[in-house]
Amino acid sequence: MKRLTLFFRKPDGNRTRTYRLNIPEPVDNINPTELTQDMIELENLGVIPDGFEPDEARLTETNVQILVNLIE
């Protein structure tokens, strides 16, 4: 299973707040330049709460292997 997580950050006094947008099963061959532009566009369209700015994008892959399944 793949998941693309977009991180947006906002300074809040002495700390930084984080807003995450998770996209399950993203397309293959993600272009970092286009992704950066897309994150900025999400901010411009108001999809992301006010004050948060694009920061980081992470692609996470998880593999699950069932070793025992006693109850079916």
N, C-alpha and C. Protein backbone atom coordinates (compact mmCIF):
# COMPACT_ATOMS: atom_id res chain seq x y z
N MET A 1 0.83 -1.17 0.00
CA MET A 1 0.00 0.00 0.00
C MET A 1 0.88 1.24 0.00
N LYS A 2 0.55 2.19 -0.85
CA LYS A 2 1.29 3.46 -0.93
C LYS A 2 0.41 4.58 -0.39
N ARG A 3 1.08 5.59 0.19
CA ARG A 3 0.37 6.77 0.65
C ARG A 3 1.28 7.97 0.45
N LEU A 4 0.73 9.01 -0.13
CA LEU A 4 1.44 10.28 -0.29
C LEU A 4 0.91 11.23 0.78
N THR A 5 1.80 11.77 1.59
CA THR A 5 1.40 12.71 2.63
C THR A 5 2.02 14.06 2.32
N LEU A 6 1.16 15.07 2.22
CA LEU A 6 1.60 16.44 1.98
C LEU A 6 1.57 17.18 3.31
N PHE A 7 2.66 17.82 3.65
CA PHE A 7 2.77 18.55 4.91
C PHE A 7 2.76 20.05 4.64
N PHE A 8 1.96 20.75 5.42
CA PHE A 8 1.89 22.20 5.37
C PHE A 8 2.15 22.70 6.80
N ARG A 9 2.94 23.75 6.95
CA ARG A 9 3.32 24.22 8.28
C ARG A 9 2.92 25.68 8.48
N LYS A 10 2.70 26.01 9.77
CA LYS A 10 2.31 27.37 10.15
C LYS A 10 2.95 27.70 11.49
N PRO A 11 3.71 28.79 11.57
CA PRO A 11 4.28 29.19 12.86
C PRO A 11 3.14 29.61 13.80
N ASP A 12 3.23 29.21 15.05
CA ASP A 12 2.20 29.53 16.03
C ASP A 12 2.89 29.83 17.36
N GLY A 13 3.29 31.07 17.51
CA GLY A 13 4.01 31.45 18.72
C GLY A 13 5.36 30.78 18.79
N ASN A 14 5.59 30.01 19.84
CA ASN A 14 6.87 29.33 20.04
C ASN A 14 6.93 27.96 19.38
N ARG A 15 5.87 27.57 18.69
CA ARG A 15 5.85 26.24 18.07
C ARG A 15 5.37 26.34 16.63
N THR A 16 5.42 25.24 15.93
CA THR A 16 4.97 25.18 14.55
C THR A 16 3.83 24.18 14.46
N ARG A 17 2.73 24.59 13.87
CA ARG A 17 1.59 23.69 13.67
C ARG A 17 1.74 23.01 12.31
N THR A 18 1.24 21.78 12.22
CA THR A 18 1.34 20.99 10.99
C THR A 18 -0.04 20.58 10.52
N TYR A 19 -0.29 20.72 9.23
CA TYR A 19 -1.51 20.23 8.60
C TYR A 19 -1.08 19.18 7.58
N ARG A 20 -1.70 17.99 7.66
CA ARG A 20 -1.33 16.89 6.76
C ARG A 20 -2.50 16.58 5.85
N LEU A 21 -2.18 16.29 4.62
CA LEU A 21 -3.16 15.85 3.64
C LEU A 21 -2.67 14.51 3.10
N ASN A 22 -3.43 13.43 3.39
CA ASN A 22 -3.05 12.08 2.96
C ASN A 22 -3.77 11.70 1.68
N ILE A 23 -3.01 11.16 0.74
CA ILE A 23 -3.56 10.71 -0.53
C ILE A 23 -3.23 9.22 -0.67
N PRO A 24 -4.26 8.35 -0.53
CA PRO A 24 -3.99 6.91 -0.65
C PRO A 24 -3.78 6.51 -2.11
N GLU A 25 -2.89 5.57 -2.31
CA GLU A 25 -2.61 5.01 -3.64
C GLU A 25 -2.37 6.09 -4.71
N PRO A 26 -1.35 6.92 -4.51
CA PRO A 26 -1.05 7.95 -5.52
C PRO A 26 -0.52 7.33 -6.81
N VAL A 27 -0.49 8.12 -7.85
CA VAL A 27 0.02 7.65 -9.14
C VAL A 27 1.51 7.32 -9.02
N ASP A 28 1.99 6.49 -9.91
CA ASP A 28 3.41 6.18 -9.96
C ASP A 28 4.16 7.32 -10.64
N ASN A 29 5.45 7.36 -10.45
CA ASN A 29 6.32 8.35 -11.12
C ASN A 29 5.89 9.78 -10.82
N ILE A 30 5.84 10.14 -9.56
CA ILE A 30 5.48 11.50 -9.17
C ILE A 30 6.64 12.43 -9.49
N ASN A 31 6.33 13.52 -10.18
CA ASN A 31 7.32 14.52 -10.54
C ASN A 31 7.40 15.55 -9.40
N PRO A 32 8.54 15.66 -8.71
CA PRO A 32 8.66 16.59 -7.58
C PRO A 32 8.35 18.05 -7.93
N THR A 33 8.73 18.49 -9.12
CA THR A 33 8.47 19.87 -9.52
C THR A 33 6.97 20.10 -9.66
N GLU A 34 6.29 19.17 -10.32
CA GLU A 34 4.84 19.30 -10.49
C GLU A 34 4.12 19.18 -9.15
N LEU A 35 4.62 18.32 -8.28
CA LEU A 35 4.01 18.15 -6.97
C LEU A 35 4.13 19.44 -6.16
N THR A 36 5.27 20.10 -6.22
CA THR A 36 5.45 21.38 -5.54
C THR A 36 4.44 22.39 -6.04
N GLN A 37 4.27 22.47 -7.35
CA GLN A 37 3.29 23.39 -7.94
C GLN A 37 1.88 23.04 -7.50
N ASP A 38 1.57 21.74 -7.41
CA ASP A 38 0.24 21.30 -6.97
C ASP A 38 -0.01 21.69 -5.52
N MET A 39 1.01 21.58 -4.67
CA MET A 39 0.86 21.95 -3.27
C MET A 39 0.57 23.45 -3.15
N ILE A 40 1.25 24.24 -3.94
CA ILE A 40 1.02 25.69 -3.94
C ILE A 40 -0.40 25.99 -4.44
N GLU A 41 -0.84 25.27 -5.45
CA GLU A 41 -2.19 25.46 -6.00
C GLU A 41 -3.25 25.09 -4.96
N LEU A 42 -3.04 24.02 -4.18
CA LEU A 42 -3.97 23.67 -3.12
C LEU A 42 -4.09 24.80 -2.10
N GLU A 43 -2.96 25.43 -1.80
CA GLU A 43 -2.96 26.57 -0.88
C GLU A 43 -3.75 27.73 -1.49
N ASN A 44 -3.50 28.03 -2.76
CA ASN A 44 -4.17 29.15 -3.44
C ASN A 44 -5.68 28.93 -3.57
N LEU A 45 -6.11 27.67 -3.74
CA LEU A 45 -7.53 27.37 -3.89
C LEU A 45 -8.28 27.36 -2.55
N GLY A 46 -7.55 27.45 -1.45
CA GLY A 46 -8.19 27.46 -0.14
C GLY A 46 -8.49 26.08 0.41
N VAL A 47 -7.90 25.04 -0.20
CA VAL A 47 -8.10 23.67 0.29
C VAL A 47 -7.38 23.50 1.64
N ILE A 48 -6.29 24.20 1.82
CA ILE A 48 -5.49 24.16 3.03
C ILE A 48 -5.91 25.34 3.92
N PRO A 49 -6.03 25.14 5.23
CA PRO A 49 -6.42 26.25 6.12
C PRO A 49 -5.49 27.46 5.99
N ASP A 50 -6.02 28.63 6.26
CA ASP A 50 -5.27 29.88 6.17
C ASP A 50 -4.02 29.86 7.03
N GLY A 51 -2.95 30.40 6.50
CA GLY A 51 -1.70 30.54 7.24
C GLY A 51 -0.73 29.39 7.09
N PHE A 52 -1.20 28.26 6.56
CA PHE A 52 -0.32 27.11 6.38
C PHE A 52 0.36 27.20 5.02
N GLU A 53 1.65 26.89 4.99
CA GLU A 53 2.43 26.95 3.76
C GLU A 53 2.98 25.57 3.41
N PRO A 54 3.11 25.26 2.12
CA PRO A 54 3.67 23.97 1.71
C PRO A 54 5.06 23.77 2.29
N ASP A 55 5.30 22.56 2.76
CA ASP A 55 6.60 22.29 3.38
C ASP A 55 7.25 21.03 2.83
N GLU A 56 6.54 19.90 2.85
CA GLU A 56 7.19 18.63 2.55
C GLU A 56 6.17 17.64 2.00
N ALA A 57 6.65 16.69 1.19
CA ALA A 57 5.80 15.60 0.71
C ALA A 57 6.56 14.30 0.93
N ARG A 58 5.83 13.30 1.48
CA ARG A 58 6.45 12.01 1.76
C ARG A 58 5.65 10.90 1.10
N LEU A 59 6.36 9.98 0.50
CA LEU A 59 5.74 8.79 -0.08
C LEU A 59 6.07 7.62 0.84
N THR A 60 5.04 6.97 1.36
CA THR A 60 5.21 5.86 2.29
C THR A 60 4.64 4.60 1.66
N GLU A 61 5.43 3.53 1.71
CA GLU A 61 4.96 2.24 1.23
C GLU A 61 4.94 1.27 2.40
N THR A 62 3.84 0.54 2.55
CA THR A 62 3.68 -0.42 3.63
C THR A 62 3.40 -1.79 3.04
N ASN A 63 4.11 -2.77 3.52
CA ASN A 63 3.88 -4.15 3.11
C ASN A 63 3.37 -4.94 4.32
N VAL A 64 2.29 -5.68 4.12
CA VAL A 64 1.71 -6.49 5.20
C VAL A 64 1.77 -7.94 4.78
N GLN A 65 2.30 -8.76 5.67
CA GLN A 65 2.36 -10.20 5.41
C GLN A 65 1.66 -10.89 6.58
N ILE A 66 0.55 -11.57 6.29
CA ILE A 66 -0.17 -12.30 7.32
C ILE A 66 0.54 -13.62 7.55
N LEU A 67 0.98 -13.85 8.77
CA LEU A 67 1.71 -15.08 9.10
C LEU A 67 0.77 -16.17 9.62
N VAL A 68 -0.26 -15.75 10.36
CA VAL A 68 -1.22 -16.70 10.91
C VAL A 68 -2.59 -16.05 10.86
N ASN A 69 -3.59 -16.81 10.41
CA ASN A 69 -4.97 -16.35 10.42
C ASN A 69 -5.82 -17.50 10.93
N LEU A 70 -6.08 -17.53 12.23
CA LEU A 70 -6.78 -18.64 12.86
C LEU A 70 -8.30 -18.54 12.73
N ILE A 71 -8.81 -17.32 12.65
CA ILE A 71 -10.26 -17.14 12.53
C ILE A 71 -10.54 -16.52 11.16
N GLU A 72 -11.24 -17.22 10.35
CA GLU A 72 -11.54 -16.71 8.99
C GLU A 72 -12.94 -16.25 8.87
